[in-house]
C-alpha atoms as a PDB file:
ATOM      1  CA  UNK A   1     143.708 -48.801-102.393  1.00  0.00           C
ATOM      2  CA  UNK A   2     141.738 -51.718-100.945  1.00  0.00           C
ATOM      3  CA  UNK A   3     142.759 -53.473 -97.747  1.00  0.00           C
ATOM      4  CA  UNK A   4     141.197 -56.716 -96.643  1.00  0.00           C
ATOM      5  CA  UNK A   5     140.479 -56.444 -92.960  1.00  0.00           C
ATOM      6  CA  UNK A   6     139.457 -59.457 -90.973  1.00  0.00           C
ATOM      7  CA  UNK A   7     137.932 -59.562 -87.535  1.00  0.00           C
ATOM      8  CA  UNK A   8     138.744 -62.549 -85.360  1.00  0.00           C
ATOM      9  CA  UNK A   9     135.805 -64.146 -83.589  1.00  0.00           C
ATOM     10  CA  UNK A  10     136.575 -64.386 -79.881  1.00  0.00           C
ATOM     11  CA  UNK A  11     134.520 -66.310 -77.347  1.00  0.00           C
ATOM     12  CA  UNK A  12     135.138 -66.489 -73.632  1.00  0.00           C
ATOM     13  CA  UNK A  13     133.250 -69.204 -71.777  1.00  0.00           C
ATOM     14  CA  UNK A  14     132.423 -68.065 -68.243  1.00  0.00           C
ATOM     15  CA  UNK A  15     130.332 -69.885 -65.672  1.00  0.00           C
ATOM     16  CA  UNK A  16     127.186 -67.931 -64.807  1.00  0.00           C
ATOM     17  CA  UNK A  17     127.970 -68.183 -61.081  1.00  0.00           C
ATOM     18  CA  UNK A  18     131.395 -66.607 -61.624  1.00  0.00           C
ATOM     19  CA  UNK A  19     129.904 -63.805 -63.713  1.00  0.00           C
ATOM     20  CA  UNK A  20     127.259 -63.114 -61.049  1.00  0.00           C
ATOM     21  CA  UNK A  21     129.921 -62.938 -58.326  1.00  0.00           C
ATOM     22  CA  UNK A  22     132.005 -60.561 -60.432  1.00  0.00           C
ATOM     23  CA  UNK A  23     128.982 -58.294 -61.009  1.00  0.00           C
ATOM     24  CA  UNK A  24     128.114 -58.216 -57.304  1.00  0.00           C
ATOM     25  CA  UNK A  25     131.725 -57.530 -56.325  1.00  0.00           C
ATOM     26  CA  UNK A  26     131.929 -54.708 -58.871  1.00  0.00           C
ATOM     27  CA  UNK A  27     128.787 -52.945 -57.625  1.00  0.00           C
ATOM     28  CA  UNK A  28     129.661 -53.433 -53.951  1.00  0.00           C
ATOM     29  CA  UNK A  29     132.950 -51.672 -54.656  1.00  0.00           C
ATOM     30  CA  UNK A  30     131.071 -48.580 -55.935  1.00  0.00           C
ATOM     31  CA  UNK A  31     129.675 -45.856 -53.723  1.00  0.00           C
ATOM     32  CA  UNK A  32     125.899 -45.570 -53.181  1.00  0.00           C
ATOM     33  CA  UNK A  33     125.925 -42.350 -55.239  1.00  0.00           C
ATOM     34  CA  UNK A  34     127.569 -44.138 -58.195  1.00  0.00           C
ATOM     35  CA  UNK A  35     125.055 -46.991 -57.960  1.00  0.00           C
ATOM     36  CA  UNK A  36     122.130 -44.578 -57.893  1.00  0.00           C
ATOM     37  CA  UNK A  37     123.517 -42.625 -60.845  1.00  0.00           C
ATOM     38  CA  UNK A  38     123.700 -45.840 -62.870  1.00  0.00           C
ATOM     39  CA  UNK A  39     120.138 -46.838 -61.939  1.00  0.00           C
ATOM     40  CA  UNK A  40     118.867 -43.450 -63.113  1.00  0.00           C
ATOM     41  CA  UNK A  41     120.823 -43.771 -66.372  1.00  0.00           C
ATOM     42  CA  UNK A  42     119.422 -47.253 -67.001  1.00  0.00           C
ATOM     43  CA  UNK A  43     115.873 -46.044 -66.295  1.00  0.00           C
ATOM     44  CA  UNK A  44     116.269 -43.144 -68.711  1.00  0.00           C
ATOM     45  CA  UNK A  45     117.603 -45.458 -71.411  1.00  0.00           C
ATOM     46  CA  UNK A  46     114.806 -47.973 -70.874  1.00  0.00           C
ATOM     47  CA  UNK A  47     111.941 -45.482 -70.879  1.00  0.00           C
ATOM     48  CA  UNK A  48     113.369 -43.612 -73.866  1.00  0.00           C
ATOM     49  CA  UNK A  49     113.628 -46.900 -75.762  1.00  0.00           C
ATOM     50  CA  UNK A  50     110.241 -48.256 -74.630  1.00  0.00           C
ATOM     51  CA  UNK A  51     107.997 -45.270 -75.378  1.00  0.00           C
ATOM     52  CA  UNK A  52     110.252 -42.439 -76.482  1.00  0.00           C
ATOM     53  CA  UNK A  53     110.013 -40.318 -73.329  1.00  0.00           C
ATOM     54  CA  UNK A  54     111.097 -40.367 -69.721  1.00  0.00           C
ATOM     55  CA  UNK A  55     108.299 -39.865 -67.163  1.00  0.00           C
ATOM     56  CA  UNK A  56     108.502 -36.679 -65.102  1.00  0.00           C
ATOM     57  CA  UNK A  57     107.673 -38.611 -61.949  1.00  0.00           C
ATOM     58  CA  UNK A  58     108.315 -42.236 -61.053  1.00  0.00           C
ATOM     59  CA  UNK A  59     106.216 -43.579 -58.223  1.00  0.00           C
ATOM     60  CA  UNK A  60     108.176 -45.254 -55.470  1.00  0.00           C
ATOM     61  CA  UNK A  61     106.602 -48.614 -54.767  1.00  0.00           C
ATOM     62  CA  UNK A  62     108.136 -51.302 -52.628  1.00  0.00           C
ATOM     63  CA  UNK A  63     106.775 -54.824 -52.679  1.00  0.00           C
ATOM     64  CA  UNK A  64     107.720 -57.147 -49.869  1.00  0.00           C
ATOM     65  CA  UNK A  65     107.270 -60.835 -50.340  1.00  0.00           C
ATOM     66  CA  UNK A  66     105.952 -62.665 -47.308  1.00  0.00           C
ATOM     67  CA  UNK A  67     107.475 -66.085 -46.801  1.00  0.00           C
END
């Protein structure tokens, strides 16, 4: 039994400024612990993708731009 399934192409046009505001509002609504958890998850995904392993220690470096 063969069924022909079709997937509709859907596009939503969104202004970049509106998307940025929505992202900021979303993350401001989250607790600092939730934000930190997501940063750690993203780091693990990136390092695993980039070189196959997550470093045991990540050096904390802060750069401040002088205006």
